[in-house]
C-alpha atoms as a PDB file:
ATOM      1  CA  ASN A   1     -32.393 -68.159  18.971  1.00  0.00           C
ATOM      2  CA  SER A   2     -35.439 -65.959  19.523  1.00  0.00           C
ATOM      3  CA  THR A   3     -36.616 -62.666  18.059  1.00  0.00           C
ATOM      4  CA  GLU A   4     -36.405 -61.089  21.523  1.00  0.00           C
ATOM      5  CA  LEU A   5     -32.612 -61.462  21.692  1.00  0.00           C
ATOM      6  CA  LYS A   6     -32.534 -60.558  25.394  1.00  0.00           C
ATOM      7  CA  ASP A   7     -28.775 -61.115  25.553  1.00  0.00           C
ATOM      8  CA  ILE A   8     -28.043 -58.405  22.995  1.00  0.00           C
ATOM      9  CA  GLU A   9     -25.010 -56.257  23.799  1.00  0.00           C
ATOM     10  CA  TYR A  10     -23.952 -52.779  22.806  1.00  0.00           C
ATOM     11  CA  VAL A  11     -20.243 -52.790  21.927  1.00  0.00           C
ATOM     12  CA  ARG A  12     -18.302 -49.761  20.750  1.00  0.00           C
ATOM     13  CA  SER A  13     -14.665 -50.295  19.783  1.00  0.00           C
ATOM     14  CA  LEU A  14     -12.041 -47.770  18.776  1.00  0.00           C
ATOM     15  CA  TYR A  15      -9.188 -48.757  16.460  1.00  0.00           C
ATOM     16  CA  CYS A  16      -5.967 -47.197  15.280  1.00  0.00           C
ATOM     17  CA  ASN A  17      -4.020 -48.873  12.451  1.00  0.00           C
ATOM     18  CA  LYS A  18      -6.370 -51.898  12.651  1.00  0.00           C
ATOM     19  CA  LEU A  19      -5.518 -52.405  16.341  1.00  0.00           C
ATOM     20  CA  GLU A  20      -8.338 -52.161  18.864  1.00  0.00           C
ATOM     21  CA  PHE A  21      -7.214 -49.888  21.672  1.00  0.00           C
ATOM     22  CA  LEU A  22     -10.461 -49.096  23.541  1.00  0.00           C
ATOM     23  CA  ARG A  23     -13.858 -50.786  23.963  1.00  0.00           C
ATOM     24  CA  PHE A  24     -17.119 -50.177  25.771  1.00  0.00           C
ATOM     25  CA  ASP A  25     -19.239 -53.317  26.222  1.00  0.00           C
ATOM     26  CA  SER A  26     -22.683 -53.018  27.832  1.00  0.00           C
ATOM     27  CA  SER A  27     -22.302 -56.422  29.484  1.00  0.00           C
ATOM     28  CA  VAL A  28     -19.153 -55.191  31.290  1.00  0.00           C
ATOM     29  CA  GLY A  29     -20.485 -51.674  31.876  1.00  0.00           C
ATOM     30  CA  THR A  30     -17.114 -49.912  31.667  1.00  0.00           C
ATOM     31  CA  PHE A  31     -14.514 -48.893  29.126  1.00  0.00           C
ATOM     32  CA  VAL A  32     -11.609 -51.328  28.729  1.00  0.00           C
ATOM     33  CA  GLY A  33      -8.240 -50.431  27.230  1.00  0.00           C
ATOM     34  CA  PHE A  34      -6.082 -52.839  25.224  1.00  0.00           C
ATOM     35  CA  THR A  35      -2.982 -50.700  24.680  1.00  0.00           C
ATOM     36  CA  GLU A  36      -1.098 -48.273  26.907  1.00  0.00           C
ATOM     37  CA  LEU A  37      -3.044 -45.342  25.431  1.00  0.00           C
ATOM     38  CA  GLY A  38      -6.303 -47.311  25.621  1.00  0.00           C
ATOM     39  CA  VAL A  39      -5.805 -48.130  29.313  1.00  0.00           C
ATOM     40  CA  LYS A  40      -5.174 -44.433  30.089  1.00  0.00           C
ATOM     41  CA  ASN A  41      -8.274 -43.369  28.150  1.00  0.00           C
ATOM     42  CA  ALA A  42     -10.411 -46.083  29.768  1.00  0.00           C
ATOM     43  CA  ALA A  43      -9.385 -44.886  33.247  1.00  0.00           C
ATOM     44  CA  ARG A  44     -10.274 -41.289  32.330  1.00  0.00           C
ATOM     45  CA  LEU A  45     -13.610 -42.207  30.686  1.00  0.00           C
ATOM     46  CA  ASN A  46     -14.675 -44.510  33.521  1.00  0.00           C
ATOM     47  CA  LYS A  47     -14.345 -41.577  35.981  1.00  0.00           C
ATOM     48  CA  ASP A  48     -16.893 -39.526  34.002  1.00  0.00           C
ATOM     49  CA  GLN A  49     -20.187 -40.815  35.455  1.00  0.00           C
ATOM     50  CA  ARG A  50     -22.314 -38.862  32.952  1.00  0.00           C
ATOM     51  CA  LEU A  51     -20.439 -40.333  29.979  1.00  0.00           C
ATOM     52  CA  LEU A  52     -20.506 -43.826  31.498  1.00  0.00           C
ATOM     53  CA  ALA A  53     -24.283 -43.604  32.084  1.00  0.00           C
ATOM     54  CA  ALA A  54     -24.811 -42.432  28.487  1.00  0.00           C
ATOM     55  CA  ALA A  55     -22.741 -45.330  27.137  1.00  0.00           C
ATOM     56  CA  LYS A  56     -24.680 -47.832  29.279  1.00  0.00           C
ATOM     57  CA  ALA A  57     -27.977 -46.379  28.019  1.00  0.00           C
ATOM     58  CA  GLN A  58     -27.055 -47.056  24.369  1.00  0.00           C
ATOM     59  CA  ARG A  59     -28.125 -50.700  24.694  1.00  0.00           C
ATOM     60  CA  GLY A  60     -31.691 -49.594  25.416  1.00  0.00           C
ATOM     61  CA  LYS A  61     -31.706 -46.556  23.118  1.00  0.00           C
ATOM     62  CA  TYR A  62     -29.978 -48.044  20.091  1.00  0.00           C
ATOM     63  CA  CYS A  63     -29.917 -51.845  20.193  1.00  0.00           C
ATOM     64  CA  GLN A  64     -33.277 -52.904  21.592  1.00  0.00           C
ATOM     65  CA  PRO A  65     -35.483 -50.666  19.372  1.00  0.00           C
ATOM     66  CA  ASN A  66     -33.667 -51.905  16.249  1.00  0.00           C
ATOM     67  CA  VAL A  67     -33.251 -55.594  17.051  1.00  0.00           C
ATOM     68  CA  GLY A  68     -36.491 -56.545  15.258  1.00  0.00           C
ATOM     69  CA  ASN A  69     -35.275 -54.969  12.011  1.00  0.00           C
ATOM     70  CA  TRP A  70     -31.861 -56.601  12.308  1.00  0.00           C
ATOM     71  CA  TYR A  71     -33.432 -59.965  12.994  1.00  0.00           C
ATOM     72  CA  LYS A  72     -35.669 -59.745   9.909  1.00  0.00           C
ATOM     73  CA  THR A  73     -33.009 -58.420   7.551  1.00  0.00           C
ATOM     74  CA  ALA A  74     -29.788 -60.084   8.657  1.00  0.00           C
ATOM     75  CA  LEU A  75     -29.967 -62.585  11.478  1.00  0.00           C
ATOM     76  CA  THR A  76     -32.379 -64.976   9.733  1.00  0.00           C
ATOM     77  CA  LYS A  77     -30.520 -64.967   6.410  1.00  0.00           C
ATOM     78  CA  SER A  78     -28.407 -67.860   5.230  1.00  0.00           C
ATOM     79  CA  ALA A  79     -26.581 -68.922   2.080  1.00  0.00           C
ATOM     80  CA  PRO A  80     -25.981 -72.578   1.190  1.00  0.00           C
ATOM     81  CA  PRO A  81     -22.430 -73.822   0.708  1.00  0.00           C
ATOM     82  CA  THR A  82     -20.839 -74.968  -2.523  1.00  0.00           C
ATOM     83  CA  VAL A  83     -18.623 -78.051  -2.154  1.00  0.00           C
ATOM     84  CA  ARG A  84     -15.569 -78.967  -4.215  1.00  0.00           C
ATOM     85  CA  LEU A  85     -13.857 -82.317  -3.630  1.00  0.00           C
ATOM     86  CA  ARG A  86     -10.435 -82.900  -5.166  1.00  0.00           C
ATOM     87  CA  SER A  87      -7.313 -85.007  -4.817  1.00  0.00           C
ATOM     88  CA  MET A  88      -3.959 -83.483  -3.896  1.00  0.00           C
ATOM     89  CA  THR A  89      -0.472 -84.687  -3.089  1.00  0.00           C
ATOM     90  CA  PRO A  90      -0.243 -85.215   0.692  1.00  0.00           C
ATOM     91  CA  HIS A  91       2.021 -83.032   2.817  1.00  0.00           C
ATOM     92  CA  SER A  92       3.359 -85.959   4.812  1.00  0.00           C
ATOM     93  CA  SER A  93       4.605 -89.397   3.863  1.00  0.00           C
ATOM     94  CA  HIS A  94       2.205 -91.258   6.193  1.00  0.00           C
ATOM     95  CA  HIS A  95      -0.294 -91.873   3.386  1.00  0.00           C
ATOM     96  CA  PRO A  96       0.045 -91.856  -0.399  1.00  0.00           C
ATOM     97  CA  ALA A  97      -3.206 -89.942  -1.064  1.00  0.00           C
ATOM     98  CA  MET A  98      -5.064 -86.876   0.191  1.00  0.00           C
ATOM     99  CA  LEU A  99      -8.529 -85.515  -0.515  1.00  0.00           C
ATOM    100  CA  VAL A 100      -9.479 -81.888   0.049  1.00  0.00           C
ATOM    101  CA  CYS A 101     -13.081 -80.901   0.668  1.00  0.00           C
ATOM    102  CA  SER A 102     -13.383 -77.156   0.035  1.00  0.00           C
ATOM    103  CA  VAL A 103     -16.609 -75.500   1.114  1.00  0.00           C
ATOM    104  CA  TYR A 104     -17.338 -72.023  -0.270  1.00  0.00           C
ATOM    105  CA  ASP A 105     -19.831 -69.151  -0.164  1.00  0.00           C
ATOM    106  CA  PHE A 106     -21.828 -70.033   2.952  1.00  0.00           C
ATOM    107  CA  PHE A 107     -23.446 -67.860   5.617  1.00  0.00           C
ATOM    108  CA  PRO A 108     -23.605 -67.877   8.615  1.00  0.00           C
ATOM    109  CA  SER A 109     -20.092 -69.014   9.514  1.00  0.00           C
ATOM    110  CA  GLU A 110     -21.002 -72.000  11.715  1.00  0.00           C
ATOM    111  CA  ILE A 111     -20.523 -75.211   9.727  1.00  0.00           C
ATOM    112  CA  LYS A 112     -19.544 -78.841  10.257  1.00  0.00           C
ATOM    113  CA  VAL A 113     -17.441 -80.728   7.713  1.00  0.00           C
ATOM    114  CA  SER A 114     -16.807 -84.432   8.246  1.00  0.00           C
ATOM    115  CA  TRP A 115     -15.569 -87.447   6.281  1.00  0.00           C
ATOM    116  CA  LEU A 116     -17.146 -90.860   5.745  1.00  0.00           C
ATOM    117  CA  ARG A 117     -15.201 -93.889   4.610  1.00  0.00           C
ATOM    118  CA  ASP A 118     -17.480 -96.766   3.627  1.00  0.00           C
ATOM    119  CA  GLY A 119     -20.239 -95.127   5.686  1.00  0.00           C
ATOM    120  CA  GLN A 120     -18.162 -94.753   8.879  1.00  0.00           C
ATOM    121  CA  GLU A 121     -17.086 -91.340  10.151  1.00  0.00           C
ATOM    122  CA  VAL A 122     -13.321 -90.775   9.953  1.00  0.00           C
ATOM    123  CA  SER A 123     -11.574 -88.675  12.595  1.00  0.00           C
ATOM    124  CA  SER A 124      -7.907 -89.632  12.277  1.00  0.00           C
ATOM    125  CA  ASP A 125      -5.668 -88.077   9.609  1.00  0.00           C
ATOM    126  CA  VAL A 126      -8.167 -85.216   9.149  1.00  0.00           C
ATOM    127  CA  THR A 127      -7.133 -81.570   9.346  1.00  0.00           C
ATOM    128  CA  SER A 128      -9.399 -78.590   8.811  1.00  0.00           C
ATOM    129  CA  THR A 129      -9.061 -74.848   8.590  1.00  0.00           C
ATOM    130  CA  GLU A 130     -11.126 -72.455  10.647  1.00  0.00           C
ATOM    131  CA  GLU A 131     -14.021 -70.797   8.884  1.00  0.00           C
ATOM    132  CA  MET A 132     -12.469 -67.929   6.943  1.00  0.00           C
ATOM    133  CA  ALA A 133     -14.328 -64.750   6.004  1.00  0.00           C
ATOM    134  CA  ASP A 134     -14.200 -63.924   2.304  1.00  0.00           C
ATOM    135  CA  GLY A 135     -14.808 -60.230   3.028  1.00  0.00           C
ATOM    136  CA  ASP A 136     -18.244 -60.281   1.377  1.00  0.00           C
ATOM    137  CA  TRP A 137     -20.316 -61.771   4.253  1.00  0.00           C
ATOM    138  CA  TYR A 138     -19.616 -65.275   2.967  1.00  0.00           C
ATOM    139  CA  TYR A 139     -17.227 -67.840   4.419  1.00  0.00           C
ATOM    140  CA  GLN A 140     -15.080 -70.755   3.298  1.00  0.00           C
ATOM    141  CA  THR A 141     -13.379 -73.688   4.986  1.00  0.00           C
ATOM    142  CA  HIS A 142     -11.211 -76.600   3.863  1.00  0.00           C
ATOM    143  CA  SER A 143     -10.885 -80.112   5.274  1.00  0.00           C
ATOM    144  CA  HIS A 144      -8.072 -82.520   4.343  1.00  0.00           C
ATOM    145  CA  LEU A 145      -8.181 -86.305   4.603  1.00  0.00           C
ATOM    146  CA  GLU A 146      -4.904 -88.191   4.217  1.00  0.00           C
ATOM    147  CA  TYR A 147      -5.516 -91.856   3.461  1.00  0.00           C
ATOM    148  CA  THR A 148      -4.295 -95.048   1.861  1.00  0.00           C
ATOM    149  CA  PRO A 149      -6.676 -95.973  -0.982  1.00  0.00           C
ATOM    150  CA  ARG A 150      -8.431 -99.345  -0.912  1.00  0.00           C
ATOM    151  CA  SER A 151     -10.119-100.950  -3.891  1.00  0.00           C
ATOM    152  CA  GLY A 152     -13.886-100.432  -3.999  1.00  0.00           C
ATOM    153  CA  GLU A 153     -14.087 -98.076  -1.023  1.00  0.00           C
ATOM    154  CA  LYS A 154     -16.466 -95.103  -0.884  1.00  0.00           C
ATOM    155  CA  ILE A 155     -15.206 -91.823   0.594  1.00  0.00           C
ATOM    156  CA  SER A 156     -17.545 -88.883   1.146  1.00  0.00           C
ATOM    157  CA  CYS A 157     -17.313 -85.339   2.449  1.00  0.00           C
ATOM    158  CA  VAL A 158     -20.375 -84.410   4.522  1.00  0.00           C
ATOM    159  CA  VAL A 159     -21.335 -80.769   5.129  1.00  0.00           C
ATOM    160  CA  GLU A 160     -23.885 -79.680   7.735  1.00  0.00           C
ATOM    161  CA  HIS A 161     -25.052 -76.056   7.712  1.00  0.00           C
ATOM    162  CA  ALA A 162     -28.047 -73.991   8.864  1.00  0.00           C
ATOM    163  CA  SER A 163     -29.015 -73.276   5.235  1.00  0.00           C
ATOM    164  CA  LEU A 164     -29.392 -76.981   4.409  1.00  0.00           C
ATOM    165  CA  LYS A 165     -32.447 -79.080   5.257  1.00  0.00           C
ATOM    166  CA  GLU A 166     -30.236 -82.158   5.442  1.00  0.00           C
ATOM    167  CA  PRO A 167     -26.471 -82.784   5.308  1.00  0.00           C
ATOM    168  CA  LEU A 168     -24.873 -82.319   1.886  1.00  0.00           C
ATOM    169  CA  ARG A 169     -22.892 -85.433   1.010  1.00  0.00           C
ATOM    170  CA  THR A 170     -20.341 -85.330  -1.811  1.00  0.00           C
ATOM    171  CA  ASP A 171     -18.882 -88.692  -2.838  1.00  0.00           C
ATOM    172  CA  TRP A 172     -15.348 -89.024  -4.180  1.00  0.00           C
ATOM    173  CA  ASP A 173     -15.238 -90.621  -7.613  1.00  0.00           C
ATOM    174  CA  PRO A 174     -11.627 -90.909  -8.803  1.00  0.00           C
ATOM    175  CA  SER A 175     -12.763 -91.860 -12.307  1.00  0.00           C
ATOM    176  CA  MET A 176     -14.830 -88.683 -12.797  1.00  0.00           C
ATOM    177  CA  PRO A 177     -13.082 -85.574 -14.205  1.00  0.00           C
ATOM    178  CA  GLU A 178     -12.866 -82.690 -11.725  1.00  0.00           C
ATOM    179  CA  SER A 179     -15.187 -80.428 -13.745  1.00  0.00           C
ATOM    180  CA  GLU A 180     -17.916 -83.095 -13.605  1.00  0.00           C
ATOM    181  CA  ARG A 181     -17.461 -83.583  -9.835  1.00  0.00           C
ATOM    182  CA  ASN A 182     -17.934 -79.817  -9.342  1.00  0.00           C
ATOM    183  CA  LYS A 183     -21.133 -79.845 -11.410  1.00  0.00           C
ATOM    184  CA  LEU A 184     -22.410 -82.823  -9.421  1.00  0.00           C
ATOM    185  CA  ALA A 185     -21.826 -81.076  -6.061  1.00  0.00           C
ATOM    186  CA  VAL A 186     -23.547 -77.871  -7.200  1.00  0.00           C
ATOM    187  CA  GLY A 187     -26.443 -79.863  -8.664  1.00  0.00           C
ATOM    188  CA  ALA A 188     -26.877 -81.891  -5.487  1.00  0.00           C
ATOM    189  CA  SER A 189     -27.076 -78.724  -3.390  1.00  0.00           C
ATOM    190  CA  GLY A 190     -29.749 -77.382  -5.757  1.00  0.00           C
ATOM    191  CA  LEU A 191     -31.825 -80.546  -5.308  1.00  0.00           C
ATOM    192  CA  ILE A 192     -31.554 -80.393  -1.519  1.00  0.00           C
ATOM    193  CA  LEU A 193     -32.594 -76.737  -1.393  1.00  0.00           C
ATOM    194  CA  GLY A 194     -35.542 -77.539  -3.618  1.00  0.00           C
END
């Protein structure tokens, strides 16, 4: 949370077939193996004091001189989410209706998605996915609310994210066609971002 980033770590990981088998982490100060071969290599590398000292020095030589550039170019960047609210058939028979709040194209990954029913936060019958990387630095997540509809009620999906000045609230309107609801959510995020 500061430009100094005093807790910065130097981490070097080695992979084979997408499986991490060896890692050096400056906060640990030694090599750690995660497979049989990795454990053997870690034991061998940790005995080489010159190599171990060089690996420990990388935090000061590589990370700290560059942290200012990283902070300016990457760590302060954010992208606002796009919200899509839709109705689906529920997976269980507990309730006859289910709403899905899909949140797309946001960065960084930390986000909070919640539901309001007539202004009160709902916590039961809600399931959510973890934030999922899209592979392009953006993330998505999905929250499901199973419910029994009541006449005249107002249900909203509320998204809180670092890129937003205030929470983005998307109200469910069963009478509005889905394409119009999508336009409304995108338009509302544009107004909030100014």
